[in-house]
Amino acid sequence: MTISPSGALPNRLSFLRHVPEMISPWKQKEKARHGLEEKLFRENMGFVKDMMEGEKAGPSFVRTFLDSQKMKGGEEEGMRVVGLMAIAGALTIGSPIQSYILAMCHYPEWQTRLQEEIDTVLEDGRCPQWEDRDKLPMLRAVVKEVIRWRPAVPTGIPHAVEEDDVYKGYFIPKGATIHALEW
């Protein structure tokens, strides 16, 4: 199944998950995506292993994982852990960058103002660092607004209800999982 909240029909009509793969385009697409990810994860893990054998591997999460798993045989798990972390990182960074570009297309005057703030505060032309955040209020505000305007995770993060509740006439029992839909 696809993760998109509205992209695949089975996300709207859950009984369709029982349709056999041979006549299910969404299952075929998901199987192809899974195969590609598996191949990429395996190749990346193999690259680091080869570098480690040649004693050329620099520090990395993959190397740390492989070093800690030598006696446990956990390479398959490591391959997926590292791969999924990379995907999560790419998606949560890529979406806000695209949203920023869209915002600047609509409001180019803000890009000019933002660049002026950066140039004024960072006279040496370097990129902003974490230590500079207090001196760059407009940059902080633009980042927050982009994330508010177009959240990277549109379905929010699931939460468990701590006590029985009623919302707009609907009873929500303690322990139920709820999803906030920011969009």
N, C-alpha and C. Protein backbone atom coordinates (compact mmCIF):
# COMPACT_ATOMS: atom_id res chain seq x y z
N MET A 1 0.84 -1.19 0.00
CA MET A 1 0.00 0.00 0.00
C MET A 1 0.88 1.25 0.00
N THR A 2 0.36 2.30 -0.49
CA THR A 2 1.09 3.56 -0.49
C THR A 2 0.77 4.34 0.78
N ILE A 3 1.67 5.23 1.15
CA ILE A 3 1.52 5.99 2.39
C ILE A 3 0.61 7.19 2.19
N SER A 4 0.50 7.67 0.98
CA SER A 4 -0.27 8.88 0.71
C SER A 4 -1.69 8.79 1.28
N PRO A 5 -2.12 9.83 2.00
CA PRO A 5 -3.45 9.80 2.58
C PRO A 5 -4.57 9.72 1.54
N SER A 6 -4.30 10.23 0.34
CA SER A 6 -5.38 10.21 -0.65
C SER A 6 -4.94 9.60 -1.97
N GLY A 7 -3.68 9.22 -2.10
CA GLY A 7 -3.13 8.80 -3.38
C GLY A 7 -3.58 7.44 -3.87
N ALA A 8 -3.86 6.48 -3.02
CA ALA A 8 -4.23 5.15 -3.46
C ALA A 8 -5.67 4.85 -3.07
N LEU A 9 -6.36 4.20 -3.98
CA LEU A 9 -7.76 3.88 -3.74
C LEU A 9 -7.99 3.07 -2.47
N PRO A 10 -7.13 2.07 -2.13
CA PRO A 10 -7.36 1.32 -0.89
C PRO A 10 -7.29 2.17 0.38
N ASN A 11 -6.68 3.33 0.30
CA ASN A 11 -6.68 4.22 1.46
C ASN A 11 -8.04 4.85 1.67
N ARG A 12 -8.87 4.83 0.64
CA ARG A 12 -10.23 5.37 0.76
C ARG A 12 -11.26 4.25 0.92
N LEU A 13 -10.99 3.13 0.26
CA LEU A 13 -11.90 1.98 0.31
C LEU A 13 -11.10 0.77 0.79
N SER A 14 -11.01 0.61 2.10
CA SER A 14 -10.10 -0.37 2.69
C SER A 14 -10.34 -1.81 2.26
N PHE A 15 -11.56 -2.18 1.86
CA PHE A 15 -11.82 -3.56 1.44
C PHE A 15 -11.02 -3.92 0.19
N LEU A 16 -10.54 -2.91 -0.58
CA LEU A 16 -9.78 -3.18 -1.79
C LEU A 16 -8.40 -3.79 -1.51
N ARG A 17 -7.97 -3.78 -0.25
CA ARG A 17 -6.68 -4.39 0.06
C ARG A 17 -6.69 -5.89 -0.20
N HIS A 18 -7.88 -6.48 -0.34
CA HIS A 18 -8.01 -7.91 -0.59
C HIS A 18 -7.95 -8.27 -2.07
N VAL A 19 -7.88 -7.27 -2.95
CA VAL A 19 -7.79 -7.52 -4.39
C VAL A 19 -6.45 -8.18 -4.68
N PRO A 20 -6.43 -9.26 -5.47
CA PRO A 20 -5.17 -9.95 -5.78
C PRO A 20 -4.17 -9.03 -6.50
N GLU A 21 -2.90 -9.27 -6.25
CA GLU A 21 -1.85 -8.41 -6.81
C GLU A 21 -1.90 -8.33 -8.33
N MET A 22 -2.23 -9.43 -9.01
CA MET A 22 -2.18 -9.43 -10.48
C MET A 22 -3.18 -8.46 -11.11
N ILE A 23 -4.22 -8.06 -10.37
CA ILE A 23 -5.17 -7.08 -10.92
C ILE A 23 -5.21 -5.81 -10.07
N SER A 24 -4.21 -5.63 -9.23
CA SER A 24 -4.16 -4.48 -8.34
C SER A 24 -2.98 -3.57 -8.72
N PRO A 25 -3.24 -2.47 -9.44
CA PRO A 25 -2.13 -1.60 -9.83
C PRO A 25 -1.40 -0.99 -8.63
N TRP A 26 -2.11 -0.69 -7.55
CA TRP A 26 -1.45 -0.10 -6.39
C TRP A 26 -0.53 -1.11 -5.70
N LYS A 27 -0.92 -2.40 -5.66
CA LYS A 27 -0.04 -3.43 -5.09
C LYS A 27 1.17 -3.65 -5.98
N GLN A 28 0.99 -3.61 -7.28
CA GLN A 28 2.11 -3.76 -8.21
C GLN A 28 3.09 -2.60 -8.06
N LYS A 29 2.55 -1.41 -7.94
CA LYS A 29 3.40 -0.24 -7.77
C LYS A 29 4.19 -0.33 -6.46
N GLU A 30 3.53 -0.74 -5.40
CA GLU A 30 4.18 -0.86 -4.10
C GLU A 30 5.26 -1.94 -4.12
N LYS A 31 4.98 -3.05 -4.79
CA LYS A 31 5.97 -4.14 -4.90
C LYS A 31 7.21 -3.65 -5.66
N ALA A 32 7.00 -2.88 -6.73
CA ALA A 32 8.13 -2.34 -7.50
C ALA A 32 8.93 -1.35 -6.65
N ARG A 33 8.24 -0.50 -5.89
CA ARG A 33 8.94 0.45 -5.01
C ARG A 33 9.75 -0.28 -3.97
N HIS A 34 9.15 -1.30 -3.39
CA HIS A 34 9.84 -2.09 -2.37
C HIS A 34 11.10 -2.74 -2.95
N GLY A 35 10.98 -3.29 -4.16
CA GLY A 35 12.13 -3.92 -4.81
C GLY A 35 13.26 -2.93 -5.06
N LEU A 36 12.90 -1.73 -5.51
CA LEU A 36 13.92 -0.70 -5.76
C LEU A 36 14.60 -0.29 -4.47
N GLU A 37 13.81 -0.06 -3.42
CA GLU A 37 14.40 0.32 -2.13
C GLU A 37 15.32 -0.78 -1.61
N GLU A 38 14.88 -2.02 -1.72
CA GLU A 38 15.69 -3.16 -1.26
C GLU A 38 17.04 -3.17 -1.98
N LYS A 39 17.00 -2.97 -3.29
CA LYS A 39 18.24 -2.95 -4.09
C LYS A 39 19.16 -1.82 -3.65
N LEU A 40 18.60 -0.62 -3.50
CA LEU A 40 19.41 0.53 -3.09
C LEU A 40 19.98 0.35 -1.68
N PHE A 41 19.16 -0.13 -0.75
CA PHE A 41 19.63 -0.36 0.62
C PHE A 41 20.79 -1.35 0.62
N ARG A 42 20.63 -2.44 -0.14
CA ARG A 42 21.66 -3.49 -0.19
C ARG A 42 22.96 -2.96 -0.81
N GLU A 43 22.83 -2.18 -1.89
CA GLU A 43 24.01 -1.61 -2.54
C GLU A 43 24.74 -0.65 -1.61
N ASN A 44 24.00 0.19 -0.90
CA ASN A 44 24.63 1.14 0.03
C ASN A 44 25.35 0.42 1.16
N MET A 45 24.72 -0.62 1.71
CA MET A 45 25.34 -1.39 2.77
C MET A 45 26.60 -2.07 2.24
N GLY A 46 26.53 -2.63 1.03
CA GLY A 46 27.68 -3.29 0.42
C GLY A 46 28.83 -2.32 0.17
N PHE A 47 28.50 -1.10 -0.23
CA PHE A 47 29.54 -0.09 -0.46
C PHE A 47 30.33 0.18 0.81
N VAL A 48 29.63 0.38 1.92
CA VAL A 48 30.31 0.66 3.19
C VAL A 48 31.12 -0.57 3.63
N LYS A 49 30.55 -1.75 3.46
CA LYS A 49 31.29 -2.97 3.82
C LYS A 49 32.59 -3.08 3.02
N ASP A 50 32.51 -2.80 1.72
CA ASP A 50 33.72 -2.85 0.88
C ASP A 50 34.74 -1.82 1.35
N MET A 51 34.27 -0.63 1.69
CA MET A 51 35.17 0.42 2.18
C MET A 51 35.81 0.01 3.51
N MET A 52 35.04 -0.66 4.36
CA MET A 52 35.57 -1.11 5.65
C MET A 52 36.63 -2.19 5.45
N GLU A 53 36.41 -3.09 4.50
CA GLU A 53 37.39 -4.14 4.23
C GLU A 53 38.70 -3.55 3.73
N GLY A 54 38.60 -2.47 2.96
CA GLY A 54 39.80 -1.79 2.47
C GLY A 54 40.31 -0.74 3.44
N GLU A 55 39.73 -0.69 4.62
CA GLU A 55 40.08 0.28 5.66
C GLU A 55 40.03 1.72 5.15
N LYS A 56 39.04 1.99 4.31
CA LYS A 56 38.87 3.34 3.75
C LYS A 56 37.57 3.99 4.21
N ALA A 57 36.79 3.27 5.00
CA ALA A 57 35.48 3.79 5.41
C ALA A 57 35.63 4.84 6.50
N GLY A 58 35.04 5.99 6.26
CA GLY A 58 35.02 7.03 7.29
C GLY A 58 33.89 6.75 8.27
N PRO A 59 33.77 7.58 9.27
CA PRO A 59 32.68 7.39 10.24
C PRO A 59 31.32 7.59 9.58
N SER A 60 30.40 6.73 9.90
CA SER A 60 29.04 6.83 9.39
C SER A 60 28.13 5.98 10.25
N PHE A 61 26.82 6.19 10.11
CA PHE A 61 25.87 5.40 10.85
C PHE A 61 25.94 3.94 10.42
N VAL A 62 26.13 3.71 9.11
CA VAL A 62 26.22 2.33 8.60
C VAL A 62 27.42 1.63 9.21
N ARG A 63 28.56 2.31 9.23
CA ARG A 63 29.77 1.69 9.80
C ARG A 63 29.56 1.39 11.28
N THR A 64 29.01 2.33 12.02
CA THR A 64 28.75 2.11 13.45
C THR A 64 27.84 0.90 13.62
N PHE A 65 26.80 0.83 12.81
CA PHE A 65 25.87 -0.30 12.92
C PHE A 65 26.58 -1.61 12.59
N LEU A 66 27.34 -1.63 11.51
CA LEU A 66 28.04 -2.86 11.13
C LEU A 66 29.05 -3.28 12.20
N ASP A 67 29.77 -2.32 12.76
CA ASP A 67 30.72 -2.64 13.83
C ASP A 67 30.03 -3.25 15.03
N SER A 68 28.86 -2.73 15.37
CA SER A 68 28.16 -3.23 16.56
C SER A 68 27.43 -4.55 16.29
N GLN A 69 27.24 -4.91 15.04
CA GLN A 69 26.48 -6.10 14.70
C GLN A 69 27.35 -7.27 14.23
N LYS A 70 28.68 -7.11 14.25
CA LYS A 70 29.55 -8.15 13.70
C LYS A 70 29.25 -9.54 14.24
N MET A 71 29.01 -9.64 15.52
CA MET A 71 28.79 -10.94 16.13
C MET A 71 27.31 -11.33 16.14
N LYS A 72 26.42 -10.42 15.79
CA LYS A 72 24.99 -10.69 15.89
C LYS A 72 24.35 -11.05 14.55
N GLY A 73 25.05 -10.83 13.44
CA GLY A 73 24.49 -11.14 12.13
C GLY A 73 23.29 -10.28 11.77
N GLY A 74 23.28 -9.03 12.17
CA GLY A 74 22.12 -8.16 11.95
C GLY A 74 22.22 -7.28 10.74
N GLU A 75 22.92 -7.72 9.71
CA GLU A 75 23.11 -6.87 8.53
C GLU A 75 21.79 -6.55 7.82
N GLU A 76 20.90 -7.54 7.72
CA GLU A 76 19.61 -7.30 7.07
C GLU A 76 18.83 -6.22 7.80
N GLU A 77 18.81 -6.30 9.12
CA GLU A 77 18.11 -5.29 9.92
C GLU A 77 18.76 -3.93 9.73
N GLY A 78 20.09 -3.91 9.80
CA GLY A 78 20.82 -2.65 9.64
C GLY A 78 20.57 -2.00 8.30
N MET A 79 20.52 -2.82 7.26
CA MET A 79 20.28 -2.32 5.91
C MET A 79 18.94 -1.56 5.88
N ARG A 80 17.93 -2.12 6.51
CA ARG A 80 16.61 -1.48 6.50
C ARG A 80 16.54 -0.28 7.44
N VAL A 81 17.15 -0.39 8.60
CA VAL A 81 17.15 0.73 9.55
C VAL A 81 17.80 1.95 8.91
N VAL A 82 18.99 1.76 8.37
CA VAL A 82 19.71 2.87 7.77
C VAL A 82 18.97 3.40 6.54
N GLY A 83 18.45 2.50 5.71
CA GLY A 83 17.74 2.92 4.50
C GLY A 83 16.49 3.72 4.82
N LEU A 84 15.72 3.24 5.78
CA LEU A 84 14.48 3.96 6.13
C LEU A 84 14.78 5.29 6.81
N MET A 85 15.87 5.35 7.58
CA MET A 85 16.26 6.64 8.17
C MET A 85 16.61 7.63 7.06
N ALA A 86 17.30 7.16 6.03
CA ALA A 86 17.67 8.03 4.92
C ALA A 86 16.42 8.53 4.18
N ILE A 87 15.47 7.63 3.95
CA ILE A 87 14.23 8.03 3.28
C ILE A 87 13.47 9.04 4.12
N ALA A 88 13.35 8.75 5.41
CA ALA A 88 12.63 9.68 6.30
C ALA A 88 13.31 11.05 6.30
N GLY A 89 14.63 11.05 6.35
CA GLY A 89 15.36 12.31 6.33
C GLY A 89 15.18 13.06 5.03
N ALA A 90 15.25 12.35 3.91
CA ALA A 90 15.10 13.00 2.61
C ALA A 90 13.71 13.58 2.42
N LEU A 91 12.69 12.82 2.82
CA LEU A 91 11.33 13.30 2.64
C LEU A 91 11.00 14.48 3.56
N THR A 92 11.48 14.44 4.79
CA THR A 92 11.15 15.53 5.70
C THR A 92 11.96 16.79 5.42
N ILE A 93 13.06 16.66 4.68
CA ILE A 93 13.82 17.84 4.26
C ILE A 93 13.33 18.33 2.90
N GLY A 94 13.08 17.40 1.99
CA GLY A 94 12.68 17.76 0.63
C GLY A 94 11.37 18.53 0.57
N SER A 95 10.41 18.12 1.35
CA SER A 95 9.10 18.77 1.32
C SER A 95 9.17 20.23 1.76
N PRO A 96 9.81 20.55 2.90
CA PRO A 96 9.90 21.97 3.27
C PRO A 96 10.70 22.81 2.27
N ILE A 97 11.70 22.23 1.64
CA ILE A 97 12.48 22.98 0.64
C ILE A 97 11.58 23.32 -0.54
N GLN A 98 10.80 22.35 -1.01
CA GLN A 98 9.88 22.62 -2.11
C GLN A 98 8.84 23.67 -1.71
N SER A 99 8.36 23.58 -0.49
CA SER A 99 7.38 24.56 -0.01
C SER A 99 7.99 25.94 0.08
N TYR A 100 9.25 26.02 0.50
CA TYR A 100 9.94 27.31 0.57
C TYR A 100 10.05 27.92 -0.84
N ILE A 101 10.45 27.10 -1.80
CA ILE A 101 10.58 27.60 -3.18
C ILE A 101 9.22 28.09 -3.69
N LEU A 102 8.17 27.34 -3.42
CA LEU A 102 6.82 27.77 -3.83
C LEU A 102 6.46 29.10 -3.17
N ALA A 103 6.74 29.21 -1.87
CA ALA A 103 6.43 30.46 -1.16
C ALA A 103 7.19 31.64 -1.76
N MET A 104 8.45 31.43 -2.09
CA MET A 104 9.25 32.53 -2.65
C MET A 104 8.80 32.90 -4.06
N CYS A 105 8.22 31.94 -4.79
CA CYS A 105 7.65 32.26 -6.10
C CYS A 105 6.43 33.17 -5.95
N HIS A 106 5.65 32.92 -4.89
CA HIS A 106 4.46 33.75 -4.63
C HIS A 106 4.81 35.07 -3.96
N TYR A 107 5.84 35.08 -3.12
CA TYR A 107 6.19 36.27 -2.34
C TYR A 107 7.68 36.58 -2.46
N PRO A 108 8.14 36.97 -3.66
CA PRO A 108 9.59 37.19 -3.87
C PRO A 108 10.17 38.30 -3.00
N GLU A 109 9.33 39.24 -2.57
CA GLU A 109 9.84 40.32 -1.71
C GLU A 109 10.37 39.76 -0.39
N TRP A 110 9.82 38.64 0.07
CA TRP A 110 10.30 38.02 1.32
C TRP A 110 11.69 37.41 1.13
N GLN A 111 11.94 36.89 -0.05
CA GLN A 111 13.29 36.36 -0.29
C GLN A 111 14.31 37.48 -0.25
N THR A 112 13.97 38.63 -0.82
CA THR A 112 14.87 39.78 -0.80
C THR A 112 15.12 40.22 0.64
N ARG A 113 14.06 40.34 1.43
CA ARG A 113 14.19 40.76 2.83
C ARG A 113 15.00 39.75 3.63
N LEU A 114 14.76 38.48 3.38
CA LEU A 114 15.48 37.42 4.08
C LEU A 114 16.96 37.45 3.74
N GLN A 115 17.27 37.63 2.47
CA GLN A 115 18.68 37.69 2.06
C GLN A 115 19.37 38.91 2.67
N GLU A 116 18.66 40.02 2.76
CA GLU A 116 19.23 41.21 3.39
C GLU A 116 19.57 40.95 4.86
N GLU A 117 18.66 40.27 5.58
CA GLU A 117 18.93 39.94 6.98
C GLU A 117 20.16 39.05 7.10
N ILE A 118 20.23 38.04 6.27
CA ILE A 118 21.38 37.11 6.32
C ILE A 118 22.67 37.85 5.99
N ASP A 119 22.66 38.68 4.95
CA ASP A 119 23.86 39.43 4.56
C ASP A 119 24.30 40.41 5.65
N THR A 120 23.33 41.02 6.35
CA THR A 120 23.65 41.97 7.41
C THR A 120 24.25 41.27 8.62
N VAL A 121 23.65 40.16 9.02
CA VAL A 121 24.11 39.44 10.22
C VAL A 121 25.38 38.65 9.94
N LEU A 122 25.46 38.05 8.79
CA LEU A 122 26.62 37.21 8.45
C LEU A 122 27.45 37.93 7.40
N GLU A 123 28.15 38.96 7.82
CA GLU A 123 28.90 39.82 6.90
C GLU A 123 30.00 39.08 6.15
N ASP A 124 30.49 37.98 6.73
CA ASP A 124 31.59 37.25 6.11
C ASP A 124 31.12 36.32 4.98
N GLY A 125 29.80 36.28 4.70
CA GLY A 125 29.28 35.49 3.59
C GLY A 125 29.08 34.01 3.89
N ARG A 126 29.27 33.61 5.13
CA ARG A 126 29.10 32.19 5.46
C ARG A 126 27.63 31.84 5.59
N CYS A 127 27.34 30.54 5.59
CA CYS A 127 25.97 30.07 5.78
C CYS A 127 25.59 30.21 7.25
N PRO A 128 24.32 30.43 7.53
CA PRO A 128 23.88 30.52 8.93
C PRO A 128 24.17 29.23 9.69
N GLN A 129 24.56 29.37 10.93
CA GLN A 129 24.82 28.23 11.82
C GLN A 129 23.81 28.28 12.96
N TRP A 130 23.72 27.19 13.69
CA TRP A 130 22.78 27.11 14.81
C TRP A 130 23.00 28.27 15.79
N GLU A 131 24.25 28.63 16.01
CA GLU A 131 24.57 29.70 16.96
C GLU A 131 24.04 31.06 16.50
N ASP A 132 23.74 31.20 15.22
CA ASP A 132 23.27 32.47 14.67
C ASP A 132 21.75 32.66 14.79
N ARG A 133 21.03 31.66 15.25
CA ARG A 133 19.56 31.69 15.19
C ARG A 133 18.96 32.88 15.93
N ASP A 134 19.53 33.27 17.06
CA ASP A 134 18.95 34.39 17.81
C ASP A 134 19.10 35.72 17.07
N LYS A 135 20.07 35.80 16.17
CA LYS A 135 20.32 37.03 15.42
C LYS A 135 19.56 37.06 14.09
N LEU A 136 18.83 35.99 13.79
CA LEU A 136 18.13 35.89 12.50
C LEU A 136 16.63 35.61 12.71
N PRO A 137 15.91 36.56 13.31
CA PRO A 137 14.50 36.31 13.62
C PRO A 137 13.63 36.12 12.37
N MET A 138 13.95 36.82 11.30
CA MET A 138 13.15 36.67 10.08
C MET A 138 13.35 35.28 9.47
N LEU A 139 14.58 34.80 9.46
CA LEU A 139 14.85 33.46 8.95
C LEU A 139 14.09 32.41 9.77
N ARG A 140 14.13 32.56 11.09
CA ARG A 140 13.39 31.62 11.95
C ARG A 140 11.90 31.68 11.64
N ALA A 141 11.38 32.89 11.47
CA ALA A 141 9.94 33.05 11.20
C ALA A 141 9.56 32.43 9.84
N VAL A 142 10.39 32.60 8.84
CA VAL A 142 10.10 32.04 7.52
C VAL A 142 10.12 30.51 7.58
N VAL A 143 11.09 29.95 8.26
CA VAL A 143 11.16 28.49 8.40
C VAL A 143 9.90 27.97 9.10
N LYS A 144 9.52 28.61 10.20
CA LYS A 144 8.33 28.18 10.94
C LYS A 144 7.07 28.32 10.07
N GLU A 145 6.97 29.41 9.31
CA GLU A 145 5.79 29.62 8.49
C GLU A 145 5.71 28.60 7.36
N VAL A 146 6.83 28.27 6.75
CA VAL A 146 6.83 27.26 5.68
C VAL A 146 6.35 25.92 6.23
N ILE A 147 6.82 25.55 7.40
CA ILE A 147 6.43 24.27 8.00
C ILE A 147 4.96 24.30 8.44
N ARG A 148 4.49 25.45 8.91
CA ARG A 148 3.07 25.56 9.28
C ARG A 148 2.19 25.53 8.04
N TRP A 149 2.62 26.25 7.00
CA TRP A 149 1.82 26.39 5.78
C TRP A 149 1.67 25.07 5.03
N ARG A 150 2.77 24.33 4.91
CA ARG A 150 2.78 23.06 4.18
C ARG A 150 3.54 22.02 5.01
N PRO A 151 2.90 21.41 5.99
CA PRO A 151 3.61 20.44 6.84
C PRO A 151 4.21 19.30 6.03
N ALA A 152 5.41 18.88 6.42
CA ALA A 152 6.08 17.78 5.72
C ALA A 152 5.35 16.46 5.95
N VAL A 153 4.68 16.34 7.08
CA VAL A 153 3.92 15.13 7.41
C VAL A 153 2.45 15.55 7.50
N PRO A 154 1.74 15.52 6.36
CA PRO A 154 0.39 16.10 6.33
C PRO A 154 -0.62 15.40 7.21
N THR A 155 -0.38 14.17 7.59
CA THR A 155 -1.34 13.48 8.43
C THR A 155 -0.99 13.58 9.89
N GLY A 156 0.00 14.39 10.22
CA GLY A 156 0.38 14.57 11.62
C GLY A 156 1.02 13.32 12.21
N ILE A 157 1.16 13.32 13.49
CA ILE A 157 1.76 12.20 14.21
C ILE A 157 0.68 11.58 15.08
N PRO A 158 0.51 10.26 15.01
CA PRO A 158 -0.54 9.62 15.81
C PRO A 158 -0.33 9.83 17.31
N HIS A 159 -1.42 9.99 18.01
CA HIS A 159 -1.40 10.14 19.47
C HIS A 159 -2.39 9.16 20.09
N ALA A 160 -2.14 8.77 21.32
CA ALA A 160 -3.08 7.92 22.06
C ALA A 160 -3.89 8.80 23.00
N VAL A 161 -5.18 8.58 23.04
CA VAL A 161 -6.06 9.34 23.92
C VAL A 161 -5.81 8.89 25.36
N GLU A 162 -5.58 9.84 26.26
CA GLU A 162 -5.24 9.50 27.65
C GLU A 162 -6.46 9.23 28.52
N GLU A 163 -7.62 9.76 28.13
CA GLU A 163 -8.85 9.49 28.89
C GLU A 163 -10.03 9.59 27.93
N ASP A 164 -11.15 8.97 28.29
CA ASP A 164 -12.35 9.05 27.46
C ASP A 164 -12.65 10.51 27.15
N ASP A 165 -13.10 10.77 25.91
CA ASP A 165 -13.38 12.15 25.51
C ASP A 165 -14.54 12.15 24.52
N VAL A 166 -15.16 13.30 24.37
CA VAL A 166 -16.20 13.49 23.37
C VAL A 166 -15.80 14.70 22.56
N TYR A 167 -15.75 14.53 21.23
CA TYR A 167 -15.40 15.63 20.34
C TYR A 167 -16.49 15.77 19.30
N LYS A 168 -17.16 16.95 19.29
CA LYS A 168 -18.25 17.24 18.36
C LYS A 168 -19.26 16.10 18.31
N GLY A 169 -19.59 15.57 19.48
CA GLY A 169 -20.60 14.52 19.58
C GLY A 169 -20.07 13.11 19.38
N TYR A 170 -18.80 12.96 19.05
CA TYR A 170 -18.22 11.64 18.85
C TYR A 170 -17.49 11.20 20.10
N PHE A 171 -17.78 9.98 20.58
CA PHE A 171 -17.11 9.43 21.75
C PHE A 171 -15.77 8.84 21.32
N ILE A 172 -14.70 9.24 22.00
CA ILE A 172 -13.36 8.72 21.74
C ILE A 172 -12.88 8.04 23.01
N PRO A 173 -12.75 6.70 22.99
CA PRO A 173 -12.37 5.99 24.22
C PRO A 173 -10.89 6.15 24.56
N LYS A 174 -10.59 6.05 25.85
CA LYS A 174 -9.21 6.09 26.33
C LYS A 174 -8.41 5.00 25.60
N GLY A 175 -7.19 5.36 25.17
CA GLY A 175 -6.33 4.40 24.48
C GLY A 175 -6.49 4.39 22.97
N ALA A 176 -7.54 5.04 22.45
CA ALA A 176 -7.74 5.08 20.99
C ALA A 176 -6.61 5.87 20.34
N THR A 177 -6.23 5.49 19.15
CA THR A 177 -5.22 6.22 18.39
C THR A 177 -5.92 7.25 17.53
N ILE A 178 -5.46 8.50 17.62
CA ILE A 178 -6.05 9.57 16.81
C ILE A 178 -4.96 10.17 15.93
N HIS A 179 -5.38 10.66 14.78
CA HIS A 179 -4.47 11.31 13.85
C HIS A 179 -4.97 12.73 13.60
N ALA A 180 -4.13 13.70 13.86
CA ALA A 180 -4.48 15.09 13.54
C ALA A 180 -4.22 15.29 12.06
N LEU A 181 -5.16 15.90 11.36
CA LEU A 181 -4.99 16.15 9.92
C LEU A 181 -4.77 17.64 9.72
N GLU A 182 -3.51 18.04 9.65
CA GLU A 182 -3.19 19.47 9.52
C GLU A 182 -3.72 20.06 8.22
N TRP A 183 -3.77 19.29 7.17
CA TRP A 183 -4.22 19.83 5.89
C TRP A 183 -5.73 19.95 5.88
